[in-house]
């Protein structure tokens, strides 16, 4: 399992949340969430892009076991990962936005570089 922050959730809830955030980020290219969630999802997304760069059926199935939508996995292997062929890591950027009005949680924008 990635990360050490519990984020106030059980293990199953945390894993489901990370899977959904990863899928959404790969689908849309950017995502606005809390800063701690963004820092937790960052290594997961980088690992998925690394699997996409390696290619192959086994890596596709490993990525598909974590990503919740098959078309997003296809997009990862066909479009996103080849764009990072010359880059050795650092595929995402986390930018602090400010505080959320309702609960003053620090928000951040995580995006693909």
PDB file of N, CA and C in Angstrom:
ATOM      1  N   UNK A   1       0.843  -1.192   0.000  1.00  0.00           N
ATOM      2  CA  UNK A   1       0.000   0.000   0.000  1.00  0.00           C
ATOM      3  C   UNK A   1       0.877   1.239   0.000  1.00  0.00           C
ATOM      4  N   UNK A   2       0.436   2.263  -0.695  1.00  0.00           N
ATOM      5  CA  UNK A   2       1.203   3.481  -0.803  1.00  0.00           C
ATOM      6  C   UNK A   2       0.947   4.390   0.382  1.00  0.00           C
ATOM      7  N   UNK A   3       1.942   5.155   0.757  1.00  0.00           N
ATOM      8  CA  UNK A   3       1.780   6.203   1.748  1.00  0.00           C
ATOM      9  C   UNK A   3       1.612   5.702   3.157  1.00  0.00           C
ATOM     10  N   UNK A   4       1.711   6.638   4.071  1.00  0.00           N
ATOM     11  CA  UNK A   4       1.571   6.305   5.474  1.00  0.00           C
ATOM     12  C   UNK A   4       0.455   7.081   6.145  1.00  0.00           C
ATOM     13  N   UNK A   5      -0.137   8.028   5.464  1.00  0.00           N
ATOM     14  CA  UNK A   5      -1.216   8.815   6.061  1.00  0.00           C
ATOM     15  C   UNK A   5      -2.505   8.010   6.052  1.00  0.00           C
ATOM     16  N   UNK A   6      -3.236   8.071   7.158  1.00  0.00           N
ATOM     17  CA  UNK A   6      -4.477   7.304   7.241  1.00  0.00           C
ATOM     18  C   UNK A   6      -5.675   8.075   6.701  1.00  0.00           C
ATOM     19  N   UNK A   7      -5.616   9.403   6.732  1.00  0.00           N
ATOM     20  CA  UNK A   7      -6.655  10.267   6.181  1.00  0.00           C
ATOM     21  C   UNK A   7      -8.019  10.029   6.808  1.00  0.00           C
ATOM     22  N   UNK A   8      -8.056   9.506   8.017  1.00  0.00           N
ATOM     23  CA  UNK A   8      -9.318   9.305   8.726  1.00  0.00           C
ATOM     24  C   UNK A   8     -10.189   8.232   8.127  1.00  0.00           C
ATOM     25  N   UNK A   9      -9.597   7.269   7.449  1.00  0.00           N
ATOM     26  CA  UNK A   9     -10.366   6.221   6.775  1.00  0.00           C
ATOM     27  C   UNK A   9      -9.780   4.862   7.096  1.00  0.00           C
ATOM     28  N   UNK A  10     -10.598   3.828   6.910  1.00  0.00           N
ATOM     29  CA  UNK A  10     -10.102   2.471   7.066  1.00  0.00           C
ATOM     30  C   UNK A  10      -9.264   2.106   5.838  1.00  0.00           C
ATOM     31  N   UNK A  11      -8.581   0.984   5.897  1.00  0.00           N
ATOM     32  CA  UNK A  11      -7.700   0.577   4.796  1.00  0.00           C
ATOM     33  C   UNK A  11      -8.464   0.424   3.493  1.00  0.00           C
ATOM     34  N   UNK A  12      -9.636  -0.191   3.550  1.00  0.00           N
ATOM     35  CA  UNK A  12     -10.424  -0.411   2.339  1.00  0.00           C
ATOM     36  C   UNK A  12     -10.916   0.904   1.761  1.00  0.00           C
ATOM     37  N   UNK A  13     -11.351   1.812   2.627  1.00  0.00           N
ATOM     38  CA  UNK A  13     -11.832   3.108   2.159  1.00  0.00           C
ATOM     39  C   UNK A  13     -10.705   3.926   1.548  1.00  0.00           C
ATOM     40  N   UNK A  14      -9.520   3.860   2.173  1.00  0.00           N
ATOM     41  CA  UNK A  14      -8.361   4.578   1.658  1.00  0.00           C
ATOM     42  C   UNK A  14      -7.957   4.057   0.290  1.00  0.00           C
ATOM     43  N   UNK A  15      -7.930   2.729   0.140  1.00  0.00           N
ATOM     44  CA  UNK A  15      -7.565   2.134  -1.139  1.00  0.00           C
ATOM     45  C   UNK A  15      -8.572   2.517  -2.230  1.00  0.00           C
ATOM     46  N   UNK A  16      -9.863   2.483  -1.900  1.00  0.00           N
ATOM     47  CA  UNK A  16     -10.895   2.860  -2.867  1.00  0.00           C
ATOM     48  C   UNK A  16     -10.765   4.329  -3.259  1.00  0.00           C
ATOM     49  N   UNK A  17     -10.472   5.179  -2.291  1.00  0.00           N
ATOM     50  CA  UNK A  17     -10.316   6.599  -2.575  1.00  0.00           C
ATOM     51  C   UNK A  17      -9.109   6.846  -3.481  1.00  0.00           C
ATOM     52  N   UNK A  18      -7.987   6.180  -3.202  1.00  0.00           N
ATOM     53  CA  UNK A  18      -6.791   6.346  -4.027  1.00  0.00           C
ATOM     54  C   UNK A  18      -7.017   5.824  -5.441  1.00  0.00           C
ATOM     55  N   UNK A  19      -7.750   4.723  -5.576  1.00  0.00           N
ATOM     56  CA  UNK A  19      -8.057   4.181  -6.900  1.00  0.00           C
ATOM     57  C   UNK A  19      -8.878   5.184  -7.700  1.00  0.00           C
ATOM     58  N   UNK A  20      -9.885   5.780  -7.064  1.00  0.00           N
ATOM     59  CA  UNK A  20     -10.749   6.719  -7.772  1.00  0.00           C
ATOM     60  C   UNK A  20     -10.018   8.011  -8.119  1.00  0.00           C
ATOM     61  N   UNK A  21      -9.207   8.527  -7.177  1.00  0.00           N
ATOM     62  CA  UNK A  21      -8.449   9.740  -7.462  1.00  0.00           C
ATOM     63  C   UNK A  21      -7.449   9.511  -8.595  1.00  0.00           C
ATOM     64  N   UNK A  22      -6.809   8.346  -8.601  1.00  0.00           N
ATOM     65  CA  UNK A  22      -5.865   8.015  -9.664  1.00  0.00           C
ATOM     66  C   UNK A  22      -6.568   7.946 -11.011  1.00  0.00           C
ATOM     67  N   UNK A  23      -7.708   7.272 -11.042  1.00  0.00           N
ATOM     68  CA  UNK A  23      -8.470   7.157 -12.286  1.00  0.00           C
ATOM     69  C   UNK A  23      -8.903   8.528 -12.788  1.00  0.00           C
ATOM     70  N   UNK A  24      -9.421   9.360 -11.898  1.00  0.00           N
ATOM     71  CA  UNK A  24      -9.886  10.689 -12.303  1.00  0.00           C
ATOM     72  C   UNK A  24      -8.738  11.563 -12.802  1.00  0.00           C
ATOM     73  N   UNK A  25      -7.588  11.489 -12.130  1.00  0.00           N
ATOM     74  CA  UNK A  25      -6.454  12.303 -12.550  1.00  0.00           C
ATOM     75  C   UNK A  25      -5.947  11.883 -13.920  1.00  0.00           C
ATOM     76  N   UNK A  26      -5.874  10.585 -14.159  1.00  0.00           N
ATOM     77  CA  UNK A  26      -5.420  10.114 -15.468  1.00  0.00           C
ATOM     78  C   UNK A  26      -6.443  10.413 -16.560  1.00  0.00           C
ATOM     79  N   UNK A  27      -7.712  10.437 -16.198  1.00  0.00           N
ATOM     80  CA  UNK A  27      -8.765  10.698 -17.181  1.00  0.00           C
ATOM     81  C   UNK A  27      -8.808  12.175 -17.577  1.00  0.00           C
ATOM     82  N   UNK A  28      -8.703  13.066 -16.598  1.00  0.00           N
ATOM     83  CA  UNK A  28      -8.898  14.493 -16.855  1.00  0.00           C
ATOM     84  C   UNK A  28      -7.600  15.289 -16.950  1.00  0.00           C
ATOM     85  N   UNK A  29      -6.503  14.749 -16.437  1.00  0.00           N
ATOM     86  CA  UNK A  29      -5.232  15.459 -16.510  1.00  0.00           C
ATOM     87  C   UNK A  29      -4.937  16.335 -15.317  1.00  0.00           C
ATOM     88  N   UNK A  30      -5.954  16.745 -14.583  1.00  0.00           N
ATOM     89  CA  UNK A  30      -5.753  17.527 -13.367  1.00  0.00           C
ATOM     90  C   UNK A  30      -6.909  17.272 -12.415  1.00  0.00           C
ATOM     91  N   UNK A  31      -6.680  17.608 -11.145  1.00  0.00           N
ATOM     92  CA  UNK A  31      -7.649  17.279 -10.109  1.00  0.00           C
ATOM     93  C   UNK A  31      -7.470  18.239  -8.948  1.00  0.00           C
ATOM     94  N   UNK A  32      -8.560  18.758  -8.423  1.00  0.00           N
ATOM     95  CA  UNK A  32      -8.499  19.627  -7.253  1.00  0.00           C
ATOM     96  C   UNK A  32      -8.989  18.852  -6.045  1.00  0.00           C
ATOM     97  N   UNK A  33      -8.152  18.775  -5.008  1.00  0.00           N
ATOM     98  CA  UNK A  33      -8.470  18.010  -3.810  1.00  0.00           C
ATOM     99  C   UNK A  33      -7.719  18.626  -2.638  1.00  0.00           C
ATOM    100  N   UNK A  34      -7.768  17.997  -1.470  1.00  0.00           N
ATOM    101  CA  UNK A  34      -7.011  18.520  -0.344  1.00  0.00           C
ATOM    102  C   UNK A  34      -5.526  18.235  -0.555  1.00  0.00           C
ATOM    103  N   UNK A  35      -4.692  18.999   0.109  1.00  0.00           N
ATOM    104  CA  UNK A  35      -3.250  18.885  -0.093  1.00  0.00           C
ATOM    105  C   UNK A  35      -2.740  17.512   0.333  1.00  0.00           C
ATOM    106  N   UNK A  36      -3.224  16.986   1.448  1.00  0.00           N
ATOM    107  CA  UNK A  36      -2.727  15.688   1.915  1.00  0.00           C
ATOM    108  C   UNK A  36      -3.152  14.560   0.980  1.00  0.00           C
ATOM    109  N   UNK A  37      -4.351  14.627   0.440  1.00  0.00           N
ATOM    110  CA  UNK A  37      -4.788  13.619  -0.527  1.00  0.00           C
ATOM    111  C   UNK A  37      -3.956  13.701  -1.805  1.00  0.00           C
ATOM    112  N   UNK A  38      -3.648  14.911  -2.220  1.00  0.00           N
ATOM    113  CA  UNK A  38      -2.827  15.084  -3.419  1.00  0.00           C
ATOM    114  C   UNK A  38      -1.439  14.491  -3.205  1.00  0.00           C
ATOM    115  N   UNK A  39      -0.861  14.681  -2.036  1.00  0.00           N
ATOM    116  CA  UNK A  39       0.454  14.123  -1.753  1.00  0.00           C
ATOM    117  C   UNK A  39       0.408  12.606  -1.652  1.00  0.00           C
ATOM    118  N   UNK A  40      -0.716  12.043  -1.279  1.00  0.00           N
ATOM    119  CA  UNK A  40      -0.850  10.588  -1.202  1.00  0.00           C
ATOM    120  C   UNK A  40      -1.061   9.962  -2.574  1.00  0.00           C
ATOM    121  N   UNK A  41      -1.789  10.630  -3.449  1.00  0.00           N
ATOM    122  CA  UNK A  41      -2.095  10.046  -4.763  1.00  0.00           C
ATOM    123  C   UNK A  41      -0.935  10.226  -5.738  1.00  0.00           C
ATOM    124  N   UNK A  42      -0.037  11.154  -5.470  1.00  0.00           N
ATOM    125  CA  UNK A  42       1.068  11.443  -6.378  1.00  0.00           C
ATOM    126  C   UNK A  42       1.944  10.225  -6.672  1.00  0.00           C
ATOM    127  N   UNK A  43       2.452   9.474  -5.672  1.00  0.00           N
ATOM    128  CA  UNK A  43       3.282   8.303  -6.012  1.00  0.00           C
ATOM    129  C   UNK A  43       2.509   7.193  -6.712  1.00  0.00           C
ATOM    130  N   UNK A  44       1.212   7.104  -6.449  1.00  0.00           N
ATOM    131  CA  UNK A  44       0.396   6.070  -7.101  1.00  0.00           C
ATOM    132  C   UNK A  44       0.294   6.359  -8.596  1.00  0.00           C
ATOM    133  N   UNK A  45       0.037   7.603  -8.948  1.00  0.00           N
ATOM    134  CA  UNK A  45      -0.090   7.993 -10.357  1.00  0.00           C
ATOM    135  C   UNK A  45       1.250   7.814 -11.067  1.00  0.00           C
ATOM    136  N   UNK A  46       2.333   8.169 -10.393  1.00  0.00           N
ATOM    137  CA  UNK A  46       3.650   8.014 -11.009  1.00  0.00           C
ATOM    138  C   UNK A  46       3.956   6.546 -11.269  1.00  0.00           C
ATOM    139  N   UNK A  47       3.554   5.665 -10.371  1.00  0.00           N
ATOM    140  CA  UNK A  47       3.758   4.233 -10.567  1.00  0.00           C
ATOM    141  C   UNK A  47       2.943   3.732 -11.761  1.00  0.00           C
ATOM    142  N   UNK A  48       1.705   4.222 -11.917  1.00  0.00           N
ATOM    143  CA  UNK A  48       0.879   3.811 -13.049  1.00  0.00           C
ATOM    144  C   UNK A  48       1.495   4.275 -14.376  1.00  0.00           C
ATOM    145  N   UNK A  49       2.043   5.487 -14.407  1.00  0.00           N
ATOM    146  CA  UNK A  49       2.667   5.982 -15.629  1.00  0.00           C
ATOM    147  C   UNK A  49       3.919   5.169 -15.940  1.00  0.00           C
ATOM    148  N   UNK A  50       4.657   4.777 -14.907  1.00  0.00           N
ATOM    149  CA  UNK A  50       5.833   3.939 -15.119  1.00  0.00           C
ATOM    150  C   UNK A  50       5.432   2.589 -15.702  1.00  0.00           C
ATOM    151  N   UNK A  51       4.337   2.008 -15.216  1.00  0.00           N
ATOM    152  CA  UNK A  51       3.843   0.760 -15.801  1.00  0.00           C
ATOM    153  C   UNK A  51       3.477   0.966 -17.267  1.00  0.00           C
ATOM    154  N   UNK A  52       2.865   2.100 -17.583  1.00  0.00           N
ATOM    155  CA  UNK A  52       2.502   2.404 -18.959  1.00  0.00           C
ATOM    156  C   UNK A  52       3.721   2.557 -19.852  1.00  0.00           C
ATOM    157  N   UNK A  53       4.795   3.127 -19.310  1.00  0.00           N
ATOM    158  CA  UNK A  53       6.018   3.288 -20.090  1.00  0.00           C
ATOM    159  C   UNK A  53       6.665   1.941 -20.392  1.00  0.00           C
ATOM    160  N   UNK A  54       6.588   1.017 -19.446  1.00  0.00           N
ATOM    161  CA  UNK A  54       7.176  -0.311 -19.660  1.00  0.00           C
ATOM    162  C   UNK A  54       6.398  -1.091 -20.705  1.00  0.00           C
ATOM    163  N   UNK A  55       5.082  -0.901 -20.736  1.00  0.00           N
ATOM    164  CA  UNK A  55       4.253  -1.588 -21.719  1.00  0.00           C
ATOM    165  C   UNK A  55       4.106  -3.068 -21.408  1.00  0.00           C
ATOM    166  N   UNK A  56       3.480  -3.791 -22.314  1.00  0.00           N
ATOM    167  CA  UNK A  56       3.294  -5.222 -22.149  1.00  0.00           C
ATOM    168  C   UNK A  56       1.967  -5.569 -21.512  1.00  0.00           C
ATOM    169  N   UNK A  57       1.545  -6.799 -21.765  1.00  0.00           N
ATOM    170  CA  UNK A  57       0.246  -7.254 -21.275  1.00  0.00           C
ATOM    171  C   UNK A  57       0.211  -7.382 -19.759  1.00  0.00           C
ATOM    172  N   UNK A  58       1.278  -7.871 -19.151  1.00  0.00           N
ATOM    173  CA  UNK A  58       1.311  -8.050 -17.700  1.00  0.00           C
ATOM    174  C   UNK A  58       1.202  -6.706 -16.982  1.00  0.00           C
ATOM    175  N   UNK A  59       1.919  -5.702 -17.477  1.00  0.00           N
ATOM    176  CA  UNK A  59       1.843  -4.375 -16.870  1.00  0.00           C
ATOM    177  C   UNK A  59       0.492  -3.726 -17.118  1.00  0.00           C
ATOM    178  N   UNK A  60      -0.105  -3.977 -18.268  1.00  0.00           N
ATOM    179  CA  UNK A  60      -1.455  -3.464 -18.549  1.00  0.00           C
ATOM    180  C   UNK A  60      -2.453  -4.048 -17.556  1.00  0.00           C
ATOM    181  N   UNK A  61      -2.349  -5.336 -17.299  1.00  0.00           N
ATOM    182  CA  UNK A  61      -3.265  -5.977 -16.344  1.00  0.00           C
ATOM    183  C   UNK A  61      -3.023  -5.500 -14.922  1.00  0.00           C
ATOM    184  N   UNK A  62      -1.762  -5.234 -14.564  1.00  0.00           N
ATOM    185  CA  UNK A  62      -1.470  -4.690 -13.227  1.00  0.00           C
ATOM    186  C   UNK A  62      -2.088  -3.309 -13.072  1.00  0.00           C
ATOM    187  N   UNK A  63      -1.973  -2.486 -14.098  1.00  0.00           N
ATOM    188  CA  UNK A  63      -2.557  -1.153 -14.045  1.00  0.00           C
ATOM    189  C   UNK A  63      -4.079  -1.231 -14.007  1.00  0.00           C
ATOM    190  N   UNK A  64      -4.637  -2.150 -14.780  1.00  0.00           N
ATOM    191  CA  UNK A  64      -6.089  -2.300 -14.834  1.00  0.00           C
ATOM    192  C   UNK A  64      -6.655  -2.827 -13.513  1.00  0.00           C
ATOM    193  N   UNK A  65      -5.847  -3.543 -12.737  1.00  0.00           N
ATOM    194  CA  UNK A  65      -6.318  -4.021 -11.440  1.00  0.00           C
ATOM    195  C   UNK A  65      -6.461  -2.878 -10.436  1.00  0.00           C
ATOM    196  N   UNK A  66      -5.814  -1.743 -10.710  1.00  0.00           N
ATOM    197  CA  UNK A  66      -5.909  -0.595  -9.806  1.00  0.00           C
ATOM    198  C   UNK A  66      -6.800   0.498 -10.368  1.00  0.00           C
ATOM    199  N   UNK A  67      -6.722   0.742 -11.679  1.00  0.00           N
ATOM    200  CA  UNK A  67      -7.534   1.774 -12.325  1.00  0.00           C
ATOM    201  C   UNK A  67      -8.947   1.228 -12.505  1.00  0.00           C
ATOM    202  N   UNK A  68      -9.957   2.058 -12.244  1.00  0.00           N
ATOM    203  CA  UNK A  68     -11.333   1.570 -12.220  1.00  0.00           C
ATOM    204  C   UNK A  68     -12.031   1.584 -13.579  1.00  0.00           C
ATOM    205  N   UNK A  69     -11.445   2.239 -14.593  1.00  0.00           N
ATOM    206  CA  UNK A  69     -12.073   2.298 -15.914  1.00  0.00           C
ATOM    207  C   UNK A  69     -11.105   1.778 -16.964  1.00  0.00           C
ATOM    208  N   UNK A  70     -11.608   0.891 -17.819  1.00  0.00           N
ATOM    209  CA  UNK A  70     -10.756   0.289 -18.840  1.00  0.00           C
ATOM    210  C   UNK A  70     -10.311   1.296 -19.891  1.00  0.00           C
ATOM    211  N   UNK A  71     -11.178   2.238 -20.251  1.00  0.00           N
ATOM    212  CA  UNK A  71     -10.785   3.224 -21.259  1.00  0.00           C
ATOM    213  C   UNK A  71      -9.697   4.164 -20.741  1.00  0.00           C
ATOM    214  N   UNK A  72      -9.645   4.391 -19.427  1.00  0.00           N
ATOM    215  CA  UNK A  72      -8.580   5.208 -18.850  1.00  0.00           C
ATOM    216  C   UNK A  72      -7.252   4.445 -18.897  1.00  0.00           C
ATOM    217  N   UNK A  73      -7.299   3.139 -18.665  1.00  0.00           N
ATOM    218  CA  UNK A  73      -6.089   2.324 -18.764  1.00  0.00           C
ATOM    219  C   UNK A  73      -5.576   2.320 -20.208  1.00  0.00           C
ATOM    220  N   UNK A  74      -6.491   2.222 -21.173  1.00  0.00           N
ATOM    221  CA  UNK A  74      -6.094   2.304 -22.580  1.00  0.00           C
ATOM    222  C   UNK A  74      -5.446   3.646 -22.884  1.00  0.00           C
ATOM    223  N   UNK A  75      -6.054   4.719 -22.391  1.00  0.00           N
ATOM    224  CA  UNK A  75      -5.510   6.059 -22.605  1.00  0.00           C
ATOM    225  C   UNK A  75      -4.122   6.175 -21.983  1.00  0.00           C
ATOM    226  N   UNK A  76      -3.940   5.575 -20.809  1.00  0.00           N
ATOM    227  CA  UNK A  76      -2.640   5.606 -20.136  1.00  0.00           C
ATOM    228  C   UNK A  76      -1.560   4.954 -20.991  1.00  0.00           C
ATOM    229  N   UNK A  77      -1.848   3.781 -21.528  1.00  0.00           N
ATOM    230  CA  UNK A  77      -0.846   3.032 -22.282  1.00  0.00           C
ATOM    231  C   UNK A  77      -0.650   3.559 -23.708  1.00  0.00           C
ATOM    232  N   UNK A  78      -1.692   4.156 -24.302  1.00  0.00           N
ATOM    233  CA  UNK A  78      -1.596   4.598 -25.689  1.00  0.00           C
ATOM    234  C   UNK A  78      -1.201   6.071 -25.831  1.00  0.00           C
ATOM    235  N   UNK A  79      -1.652   6.932 -24.917  1.00  0.00           N
ATOM    236  CA  UNK A  79      -1.431   8.367 -25.076  1.00  0.00           C
ATOM    237  C   UNK A  79      -0.525   8.973 -24.006  1.00  0.00           C
ATOM    238  N   UNK A  80      -0.838   8.726 -22.727  1.00  0.00           N
ATOM    239  CA  UNK A  80      -0.145   9.424 -21.641  1.00  0.00           C
ATOM    240  C   UNK A  80       1.298   8.956 -21.493  1.00  0.00           C
ATOM    241  N   UNK A  81       1.499   7.649 -21.323  1.00  0.00           N
ATOM    242  CA  UNK A  81       2.836   7.119 -21.054  1.00  0.00           C
ATOM    243  C   UNK A  81       3.839   7.376 -22.182  1.00  0.00           C
ATOM    244  N   UNK A  82       3.467   7.232 -23.456  1.00  0.00           N
ATOM    245  CA  UNK A  82       4.454   7.540 -24.507  1.00  0.00           C
ATOM    246  C   UNK A  82       4.910   8.998 -24.496  1.00  0.00           C
ATOM    247  N   UNK A  83       4.098   9.893 -23.979  1.00  0.00           N
ATOM    248  CA  UNK A  83       4.492  11.291 -23.887  1.00  0.00           C
ATOM    249  C   UNK A  83       5.600  11.532 -22.873  1.00  0.00           C
ATOM    250  N   UNK A  84       5.765  10.614 -21.938  1.00  0.00           N
ATOM    251  CA  UNK A  84       6.799  10.727 -20.911  1.00  0.00           C
ATOM    252  C   UNK A  84       7.969   9.783 -21.168  1.00  0.00           C
ATOM    253  N   UNK A  85       8.159   9.348 -22.397  1.00  0.00           N
ATOM    254  CA  UNK A  85       9.200   8.367 -22.713  1.00  0.00           C
ATOM    255  C   UNK A  85      10.606   8.881 -22.377  1.00  0.00           C
ATOM    256  N   UNK A  86      10.846  10.156 -22.555  1.00  0.00           N
ATOM    257  CA  UNK A  86      12.182  10.721 -22.303  1.00  0.00           C
ATOM    258  C   UNK A  86      12.342  11.224 -20.880  1.00  0.00           C
ATOM    259  N   UNK A  87      11.308  11.160 -20.061  1.00  0.00           N
ATOM    260  CA  UNK A  87      11.343  11.716 -18.710  1.00  0.00           C
ATOM    261  C   UNK A  87      11.544  10.608 -17.694  1.00  0.00           C
ATOM    262  N   UNK A  88      12.429  10.832 -16.717  1.00  0.00           N
ATOM    263  CA  UNK A  88      12.730   9.818 -15.712  1.00  0.00           C
ATOM    264  C   UNK A  88      12.052  10.139 -14.377  1.00  0.00           C
ATOM    265  N   UNK A  89      10.752  10.205 -14.374  1.00  0.00           N
ATOM    266  CA  UNK A  89      10.029  10.497 -13.136  1.00  0.00           C
ATOM    267  C   UNK A  89       9.589  11.945 -13.092  1.00  0.00           C
ATOM    268  N   UNK A  90       8.853  12.292 -12.037  1.00  0.00           N
ATOM    269  CA  UNK A  90       8.353  13.652 -11.896  1.00  0.00           C
ATOM    270  C   UNK A  90       7.262  13.961 -12.891  1.00  0.00           C
ATOM    271  N   UNK A  91       6.287  13.064 -13.006  1.00  0.00           N
ATOM    272  CA  UNK A  91       5.222  13.221 -13.994  1.00  0.00           C
ATOM    273  C   UNK A  91       4.077  14.104 -13.502  1.00  0.00           C
ATOM    274  N   UNK A  92       4.029  14.377 -12.195  1.00  0.00           N
ATOM    275  CA  UNK A  92       2.921  15.151 -11.634  1.00  0.00           C
ATOM    276  C   UNK A  92       3.455  16.366 -10.891  1.00  0.00           C
ATOM    277  N   UNK A  93       2.582  17.351 -10.738  1.00  0.00           N
ATOM    278  CA  UNK A  93       2.905  18.576 -10.008  1.00  0.00           C
ATOM    279  C   UNK A  93       1.767  18.873  -9.039  1.00  0.00           C
ATOM    280  N   UNK A  94       2.108  19.178  -7.792  1.00  0.00           N
ATOM    281  CA  UNK A  94       1.117  19.557  -6.790  1.00  0.00           C
ATOM    282  C   UNK A  94       1.311  21.032  -6.482  1.00  0.00           C
ATOM    283  N   UNK A  95       0.245  21.811  -6.671  1.00  0.00           N
ATOM    284  CA  UNK A  95       0.281  23.251  -6.427  1.00  0.00           C
ATOM    285  C   UNK A  95      -0.768  23.596  -5.382  1.00  0.00           C
ATOM    286  N   UNK A  96      -0.345  24.260  -4.323  1.00  0.00           N
ATOM    287  CA  UNK A  96      -1.299  24.671  -3.288  1.00  0.00           C
ATOM    288  C   UNK A  96      -2.172  25.805  -3.814  1.00  0.00           C
ATOM    289  N   UNK A  97      -3.478  25.696  -3.551  1.00  0.00           N
ATOM    290  CA  UNK A  97      -4.425  26.696  -4.037  1.00  0.00           C
ATOM    291  C   UNK A  97      -4.805  27.674  -2.930  1.00  0.00           C
ATOM    292  N   UNK A  98      -5.167  27.160  -1.784  1.00  0.00           N
ATOM    293  CA  UNK A  98      -5.615  27.993  -0.678  1.00  0.00           C
ATOM    294  C   UNK A  98      -6.411  27.132   0.280  1.00  0.00           C
ATOM    295  N   UNK A  99      -7.312  27.768   1.010  1.00  0.00           N
ATOM    296  CA  UNK A  99      -8.131  27.018   1.962  1.00  0.00           C
ATOM    297  C   UNK A  99      -9.560  26.936   1.460  1.00  0.00           C
ATOM    298  N   UNK A 100     -10.208  25.822   1.788  1.00  0.00           N
ATOM    299  CA  UNK A 100     -11.598  25.618   1.416  1.00  0.00           C
ATOM    300  C   UNK A 100     -12.472  26.415   2.368  1.00  0.00           C
ATOM    301  N   UNK A 101     -13.539  26.974   1.866  1.00  0.00           N
ATOM    302  CA  UNK A 101     -14.365  27.868   2.660  1.00  0.00           C
ATOM    303  C   UNK A 101     -15.099  27.151   3.781  1.00  0.00           C
ATOM    304  N   UNK A 102     -15.604  25.962   3.524  1.00  0.00           N
ATOM    305  CA  UNK A 102     -16.434  25.284   4.513  1.00  0.00           C
ATOM    306  C   UNK A 102     -15.701  24.831   5.752  1.00  0.00           C
ATOM    307  N   UNK A 103     -14.546  24.179   5.579  1.00  0.00           N
ATOM    308  CA  UNK A 103     -13.848  23.621   6.735  1.00  0.00           C
ATOM    309  C   UNK A 103     -12.397  24.079   6.834  1.00  0.00           C
ATOM    310  N   UNK A 104     -11.994  25.033   6.029  1.00  0.00           N
ATOM    311  CA  UNK A 104     -10.643  25.600   6.035  1.00  0.00           C
ATOM    312  C   UNK A 104      -9.573  24.556   5.777  1.00  0.00           C
ATOM    313  N   UNK A 105      -9.920  23.520   5.006  1.00  0.00           N
ATOM    314  CA  UNK A 105      -8.918  22.525   4.627  1.00  0.00           C
ATOM    315  C   UNK A 105      -8.055  23.098   3.502  1.00  0.00           C
ATOM    316  N   UNK A 106      -6.761  22.824   3.562  1.00  0.00           N
ATOM    317  CA  UNK A 106      -5.860  23.324   2.537  1.00  0.00           C
ATOM    318  C   UNK A 106      -6.059  22.531   1.251  1.00  0.00           C
ATOM    319  N   UNK A 107      -6.354  23.228   0.163  1.00  0.00           N
ATOM    320  CA  UNK A 107      -6.620  22.549  -1.106  1.00  0.00           C
ATOM    321  C   UNK A 107      -5.409  22.683  -2.019  1.00  0.00           C
ATOM    322  N   UNK A 108      -5.355  21.750  -2.968  1.00  0.00           N
ATOM    323  CA  UNK A 108      -4.235  21.742  -3.904  1.00  0.00           C
ATOM    324  C   UNK A 108      -4.739  21.255  -5.258  1.00  0.00           C
ATOM    325  N   UNK A 109      -3.991  21.610  -6.278  1.00  0.00           N
ATOM    326  CA  UNK A 109      -4.255  21.157  -7.638  1.00  0.00           C
ATOM    327  C   UNK A 109      -3.130  20.215  -8.013  1.00  0.00           C
ATOM    328  N   UNK A 110      -3.490  18.990  -8.342  1.00  0.00           N
ATOM    329  CA  UNK A 110      -2.497  18.021  -8.818  1.00  0.00           C
ATOM    330  C   UNK A 110      -2.755  17.824 -10.303  1.00  0.00           C
ATOM    331  N   UNK A 111      -1.686  17.918 -11.091  1.00  0.00           N
ATOM    332  CA  UNK A 111      -1.835  17.830 -12.531  1.00  0.00           C
ATOM    333  C   UNK A 111      -0.664  17.082 -13.148  1.00  0.00           C
ATOM    334  N   UNK A 112      -0.905  16.544 -14.330  1.00  0.00           N
ATOM    335  CA  UNK A 112       0.163  15.899 -15.074  1.00  0.00           C
ATOM    336  C   UNK A 112       1.031  16.976 -15.710  1.00  0.00           C
ATOM    337  N   UNK A 113       2.330  16.820 -15.635  1.00  0.00           N
ATOM    338  CA  UNK A 113       3.258  17.841 -16.161  1.00  0.00           C
ATOM    339  C   UNK A 113       3.323  17.729 -17.670  1.00  0.00           C
TER     340      UNK A 113
END
